[in-house]
Protein backbone atom coordinates (compact mmCIF):
# COMPACT_ATOMS: atom_id res chain seq x y z
CA MET A 1 16.37 -23.04 -9.14
CA ASN A 2 15.84 -26.15 -11.27
CA VAL A 3 16.14 -24.78 -14.81
CA LYS A 4 14.14 -27.67 -16.25
CA ASN A 5 11.10 -26.63 -14.22
CA ILE A 6 10.83 -23.07 -15.48
CA GLN A 7 9.90 -21.54 -18.82
CA ILE A 8 12.71 -20.80 -21.29
CA THR A 9 11.76 -18.45 -24.12
CA VAL A 10 13.84 -17.42 -27.12
CA ILE A 11 12.67 -14.11 -28.59
CA THR A 12 13.58 -13.75 -32.25
CA GLY A 13 12.25 -12.42 -35.52
CA MET A 14 12.52 -9.47 -37.87
CA SER A 15 14.72 -6.52 -37.01
CA GLY A 16 12.49 -3.62 -35.96
CA SER A 17 9.58 -5.88 -35.00
CA GLY A 18 9.72 -5.08 -31.26
CA LYS A 19 12.17 -7.54 -29.71
CA SER A 20 13.55 -4.89 -27.34
CA THR A 21 10.03 -4.16 -26.11
CA ALA A 22 9.38 -7.88 -25.75
CA ILE A 23 12.42 -8.61 -23.59
CA ALA A 24 11.65 -5.56 -21.44
CA ALA A 25 8.18 -6.99 -20.85
CA PHE A 26 9.60 -10.39 -19.91
CA GLU A 27 11.97 -8.69 -17.48
CA ASP A 28 9.07 -6.79 -15.91
CA ALA A 29 7.24 -10.11 -15.57
CA GLY A 30 10.06 -11.50 -13.44
CA PHE A 31 12.12 -13.33 -16.07
CA TYR A 32 15.92 -13.43 -16.08
CA CYS A 33 16.72 -11.87 -19.46
CA VAL A 34 19.73 -11.69 -21.79
CA ASP A 35 19.73 -9.67 -25.01
CA ASN A 36 21.78 -10.79 -28.04
CA MET A 37 22.59 -14.13 -26.45
CA PRO A 38 24.97 -16.24 -28.63
CA VAL A 39 23.10 -19.43 -29.43
CA ASP A 40 26.24 -21.51 -28.75
CA LEU A 41 26.13 -20.39 -25.11
CA LEU A 42 22.53 -21.41 -24.48
CA PRO A 43 23.19 -25.11 -23.65
CA LYS A 44 26.15 -24.12 -21.47
CA PHE A 45 24.03 -21.52 -19.67
CA LEU A 46 21.32 -24.08 -18.93
CA GLU A 47 23.89 -26.48 -17.48
CA MET A 48 25.21 -23.92 -15.02
CA PRO A 49 24.08 -24.23 -11.38
CA VAL A 50 21.80 -21.26 -10.78
CA GLU A 51 21.21 -20.06 -7.23
CA SER A 52 17.60 -20.55 -6.21
CA ASN A 53 15.66 -17.33 -6.60
CA PRO A 54 11.88 -17.48 -6.25
CA GLU A 55 11.58 -14.13 -8.04
CA TYR A 56 12.60 -15.65 -11.39
CA ALA A 57 9.54 -16.65 -13.38
CA GLY A 58 11.65 -17.99 -16.21
CA LEU A 59 14.48 -17.26 -18.64
CA ALA A 60 14.19 -15.16 -21.80
CA PHE A 61 16.86 -14.64 -24.46
CA VAL A 62 16.89 -12.48 -27.59
CA MET A 63 18.65 -14.24 -30.49
CA ASP A 64 18.71 -12.97 -34.05
CA LEU A 65 20.82 -12.17 -37.09
CA ARG A 66 23.10 -9.84 -35.16
CA GLU A 67 24.99 -13.07 -34.41
CA LYS A 68 26.63 -14.12 -37.68
CA GLY A 69 26.43 -17.87 -37.08
CA PHE A 70 22.91 -17.90 -35.61
CA LEU A 71 21.10 -19.34 -38.63
CA SER A 72 23.48 -22.23 -39.11
CA LYS A 73 23.69 -23.16 -35.43
CA TYR A 74 20.19 -22.76 -33.97
CA PRO A 75 18.46 -25.83 -35.56
CA SER A 76 20.58 -28.46 -33.83
CA ILE A 77 20.82 -26.53 -30.56
CA PHE A 78 17.07 -25.89 -30.29
CA LYS A 79 16.36 -29.53 -31.19
CA THR A 80 18.69 -30.80 -28.46
CA ILE A 81 17.17 -28.51 -25.85
CA ARG A 82 13.65 -29.64 -26.70
CA GLU A 83 14.65 -33.30 -26.60
CA THR A 84 16.38 -32.85 -23.23
CA GLY A 85 13.05 -31.98 -21.64
CA TYR A 86 13.31 -28.26 -21.00
CA ARG A 87 10.17 -26.10 -21.05
CA PHE A 88 11.35 -24.35 -24.19
CA ASN A 89 9.57 -22.19 -26.72
CA VAL A 90 10.39 -19.77 -29.51
CA LEU A 91 8.56 -16.44 -29.82
CA PHE A 92 8.84 -14.95 -33.32
CA LEU A 93 8.01 -11.29 -33.98
CA GLU A 94 7.35 -9.87 -37.42
CA ALA A 95 5.78 -6.80 -39.04
CA ASP A 96 4.71 -5.61 -42.47
CA GLU A 97 7.44 -4.30 -44.75
CA ASP A 98 6.07 -0.74 -44.85
CA VAL A 99 5.81 -0.69 -41.04
CA LEU A 100 9.42 -1.82 -40.65
CA ILE A 101 10.58 0.84 -43.12
CA LYS A 102 8.69 3.49 -41.17
CA ARG A 103 10.14 2.33 -37.84
CA TYR A 104 13.68 2.40 -39.21
CA SER A 105 13.09 5.86 -40.65
CA GLU A 106 11.88 7.10 -37.26
CA THR A 107 14.69 5.56 -35.21
CA ARG A 108 17.50 6.04 -37.77
CA ARG A 109 18.98 2.73 -36.69
CA GLN A 110 20.94 0.59 -39.15
CA HIS A 111 19.50 -2.72 -40.34
CA PRO A 112 21.91 -5.64 -39.65
CA LEU A 113 21.79 -6.70 -43.34
CA ILE A 114 22.02 -3.22 -44.85
CA HIS A 115 25.56 -3.65 -46.17
CA GLY A 116 25.45 -3.47 -49.99
CA LYS A 117 21.63 -3.16 -49.97
CA ASN A 118 18.98 -0.52 -49.50
CA LEU A 119 16.57 -0.83 -46.57
CA THR A 120 13.81 -2.55 -48.54
CA GLN A 121 16.24 -5.14 -49.90
CA ALA A 122 17.68 -5.75 -46.43
CA ILE A 123 14.22 -6.35 -44.94
CA ARG A 124 13.24 -8.75 -47.73
CA SER A 125 16.54 -10.61 -47.42
CA GLU A 126 16.06 -11.01 -43.67
CA LYS A 127 12.49 -12.24 -44.15
CA ALA A 128 13.70 -14.96 -46.51
CA LEU A 129 16.53 -16.00 -44.21
CA LEU A 130 14.19 -16.30 -41.22
CA ALA A 131 11.43 -18.24 -42.99
CA ASP A 132 12.46 -21.62 -41.56
CA LEU A 133 12.82 -20.23 -38.04
CA LYS A 134 9.38 -18.67 -38.29
CA ASN A 135 7.92 -22.04 -39.28
CA GLU A 136 9.54 -23.62 -36.21
CA ALA A 137 8.32 -20.94 -33.78
CA ASP A 138 5.79 -21.82 -31.10
CA THR A 139 4.23 -18.34 -31.11
CA ILE A 140 4.19 -15.75 -33.91
CA ILE A 141 3.13 -12.15 -33.32
CA ASP A 142 2.60 -9.63 -36.12
CA THR A 143 3.37 -6.31 -34.40
CA SER A 144 2.35 -4.13 -37.37
CA HIS A 145 -0.67 -2.64 -35.62
CA TYR A 146 0.67 -2.54 -32.06
CA ASN A 147 2.06 0.53 -30.37
CA VAL A 148 4.75 0.03 -27.72
CA HIS A 149 2.26 -0.18 -24.84
CA GLN A 150 -0.05 -2.61 -26.65
CA LEU A 151 2.85 -4.87 -27.58
CA LYS A 152 4.19 -4.85 -24.03
CA SER A 153 0.74 -5.78 -22.73
CA LYS A 154 0.50 -8.63 -25.27
CA ILE A 155 3.92 -9.97 -24.31
CA LEU A 156 3.09 -9.73 -20.61
CA ASP A 157 -0.01 -11.84 -21.18
CA ILE A 158 2.24 -14.50 -22.72
CA ALA A 159 4.88 -14.20 -20.01
CA ARG A 160 2.35 -14.45 -17.20
CA GLU A 161 1.22 -17.85 -18.42
CA SER A 162 4.39 -19.09 -16.71
CA ARG A 163 3.62 -20.82 -13.42
CA ASN A 164 5.93 -18.67 -11.31
CA CYS A 165 5.40 -15.34 -13.02
CA ALA A 166 5.74 -12.24 -10.85
CA SER A 167 2.79 -9.88 -10.45
CA MET A 168 2.91 -6.10 -10.32
CA ARG A 169 4.63 -4.84 -7.18
CA ILE A 170 2.79 -2.13 -5.24
CA HIS A 171 4.62 0.34 -3.01
CA ILE A 172 2.71 2.50 -0.52
CA LEU A 173 4.74 5.55 0.49
CA SER A 174 3.76 8.02 3.23
CA PHE A 175 5.50 11.40 3.16
CA GLY A 176 5.40 14.97 4.39
CA TYR A 177 4.85 17.82 1.92
CA LYS A 178 7.24 20.02 3.88
CA ASN A 179 10.02 17.64 2.81
CA GLY A 180 9.02 17.57 -0.86
CA ILE A 181 6.86 15.41 -3.10
CA PRO A 182 8.34 11.97 -3.91
CA LEU A 183 9.36 12.04 -7.56
CA ASN A 184 8.91 8.29 -8.03
CA ALA A 185 5.22 8.25 -7.06
CA ASP A 186 2.73 7.24 -9.77
CA ILE A 187 -0.33 8.28 -7.75
CA ILE A 188 -0.32 10.94 -5.00
CA MET A 189 -3.11 11.52 -2.50
CA ASP A 190 -3.04 14.64 -0.33
CA VAL A 191 -4.68 13.92 3.06
CA ARG A 192 -4.01 17.30 4.65
CA PHE A 193 -7.78 17.88 4.75
CA LEU A 194 -8.09 15.29 7.55
CA ILE A 195 -8.17 16.27 11.22
CA ASN A 196 -4.58 16.73 12.46
CA PRO A 197 -3.41 14.89 15.62
CA TYR A 198 -0.42 17.23 15.79
CA PHE A 199 -2.52 19.75 17.68
CA ASP A 200 -3.47 17.24 20.39
CA PRO A 201 -0.72 17.38 23.10
CA ASP A 202 -1.22 13.68 23.89
CA LEU A 203 -0.72 12.66 20.26
CA LYS A 204 1.74 15.21 18.94
CA ASP A 205 4.85 13.15 19.62
CA LEU A 206 3.37 9.84 18.45
CA THR A 207 3.09 8.55 14.87
CA GLY A 208 0.29 7.24 12.69
CA GLU A 209 1.40 3.71 13.49
CA ASN A 210 0.13 4.26 17.03
CA LYS A 211 -3.45 3.01 17.51
CA ALA A 212 -4.47 6.15 19.39
CA VAL A 213 -3.36 8.36 16.51
CA ALA A 214 -5.00 6.14 13.88
CA ASP A 215 -8.25 6.03 15.86
CA TYR A 216 -8.16 9.82 16.20
CA VAL A 217 -7.74 10.31 12.44
CA LEU A 218 -10.38 7.76 11.47
CA ALA A 219 -12.91 8.76 14.14
CA ASP A 220 -14.06 11.56 11.88
CA GLY A 221 -16.84 10.51 9.50
CA THR A 222 -15.21 12.40 6.64
CA ALA A 223 -12.04 10.34 7.02
CA ARG A 224 -13.93 7.06 6.95
CA LEU A 225 -15.95 8.12 3.92
CA PHE A 226 -12.79 9.29 2.11
CA LEU A 227 -10.99 6.02 2.83
CA ASP A 228 -13.91 3.94 1.55
CA LYS A 229 -14.06 5.92 -1.69
CA TYR A 230 -10.30 5.98 -2.19
CA LEU A 231 -9.96 2.23 -1.68
CA ASP A 232 -12.75 1.71 -4.21
CA LEU A 233 -10.81 3.89 -6.66
CA LEU A 234 -7.62 1.88 -6.13
CA GLU A 235 -9.51 -1.38 -6.67
CA PHE A 236 -10.61 0.06 -10.01
CA LEU A 237 -7.19 1.43 -11.00
CA ILE A 238 -4.80 -1.36 -9.98
CA PRO A 239 -6.10 -3.93 -12.53
CA LEU A 240 -5.87 -1.27 -15.24
CA TYR A 241 -2.21 -0.64 -14.42
CA GLU A 242 -1.61 -4.40 -14.44
CA ARG A 243 -3.30 -4.68 -17.83
CA GLU A 244 -1.09 -1.89 -19.14
CA GLY A 245 1.93 -3.99 -18.17
CA LYS A 246 3.26 -1.86 -15.33
CA ALA A 247 5.77 -3.76 -13.19
CA ASN A 248 5.85 -1.36 -10.22
CA LEU A 249 3.19 1.01 -8.89
CA THR A 250 4.02 3.59 -6.21
CA ILE A 251 1.13 5.23 -4.34
CA GLY A 252 2.13 8.30 -2.35
CA VAL A 253 0.08 9.51 0.63
CA GLY A 254 1.05 12.91 1.96
CA CYS A 255 0.29 15.15 4.91
CA THR A 256 2.16 18.18 6.25
CA GLY A 257 4.95 16.46 8.17
CA GLY A 258 4.57 12.81 7.18
CA GLN A 259 4.18 11.66 10.76
CA HIS A 260 0.49 11.33 11.62
CA ARG A 261 -2.27 11.40 8.98
CA SER A 262 -0.37 10.10 5.96
CA VAL A 263 1.10 7.26 8.03
CA ALA A 264 -2.27 6.17 9.43
CA ILE A 265 -3.93 6.24 6.00
CA ALA A 266 -0.99 4.50 4.28
CA VAL A 267 -1.19 1.64 6.79
CA ARG A 268 -4.92 1.20 6.06
CA ILE A 269 -4.27 1.21 2.30
CA ARG A 270 -1.49 -1.36 2.71
CA ASP A 271 -3.71 -3.64 4.80
CA HIS A 272 -6.56 -3.42 2.29
CA ILE A 273 -4.40 -4.20 -0.75
CA HIS A 274 -2.70 -7.06 1.07
CA GLN A 275 -6.10 -8.57 1.86
CA LYS A 276 -6.75 -8.62 -1.89
CA GLY A 277 -3.75 -10.94 -2.33
CA LYS A 278 -1.36 -8.40 -3.82
CA GLU A 279 2.36 -8.01 -3.12
CA VAL A 280 2.68 -4.70 -1.29
CA ILE A 281 5.48 -2.77 0.41
CA LEU A 282 4.91 0.04 2.93
CA THR A 283 7.48 2.78 3.54
CA HIS A 284 7.15 5.80 5.83
CA ARG A 285 9.61 8.23 4.30
CA ASP A 286 9.40 11.04 6.84
CA ILE A 287 8.21 9.36 10.01
CA ARG A 288 9.89 10.52 13.24
CA ARG A 289 10.31 7.69 15.73
CA LEU A 290 10.94 8.67 19.34
CA SER A 291 12.16 5.21 20.31
CA ALA A 292 14.63 4.66 17.47
CA PRO A 293 16.85 6.81 15.26
CA ALA A 294 15.54 5.33 12.02
CA SER A 295 13.85 7.87 9.73
CA PHE A 296 11.56 5.38 8.01
CA THR A 297 10.06 1.95 8.28
CA SER A 298 9.48 -0.55 5.51
CA ASN A 299 7.20 -3.56 5.68
CA MET A 300 6.53 -6.11 2.97
CA PHE A 301 3.71 -8.59 2.63
């Protein structure tokens, strides 16, 4: 990975303004992230040879007054990095004084400048100390009226402007109800209403990956109508999850044993989502293969 070709973002600003939420959003967007990074180490970090990893959309570092020497050191270091030609920007987060007081009251965390001051004095002191850094920032966000989800969505919009930014990863998971519902599934569709190949002696010992089984399941008009409607629903839902800032979406498809119907439908869902240009992984959790001892298959597009 050529560090000079990717986005480098320093997240800074007022304590309690949402920096933890911001770096979590950058991480979900595919950035390599470090919280409370000493500013002295930034130039050394950028000089290190980094193994090429196409999953990294960029680098993001949280730097703030938790580091005692931050204010005295950052001006020259940031200036040098900009002049060296890195794609470098500073994201500054702030919030109204009453909002910060409320957030600290709710979390019961200690302000980094609280020593010898009350909370209001500490917030005002920090605001004054960070005034120059705020003026130098490339992007300023007032988080006063954002909840956690709204702020994460806002930060993801910024992060995804990076050329190599990762999109939401979609995982299709077939399973059998007799083995339990997958706890990590965000959406679960029960397809036990579909015609069951298990009761056909010629199909019983095959799986939904077999064309004969898939054709049997989808030959029924109800199955085809269901699949059309369900794919329409997913086309509606997936962009909404992306807008919410979700990094991973798991769609579970279940039948009784996880061998026939759920497998056939999961394959069709995977193919459809892949055709829409999305990154998608398919796993058959409970499939029983006669030709191999493996208990599942996993395919990525």
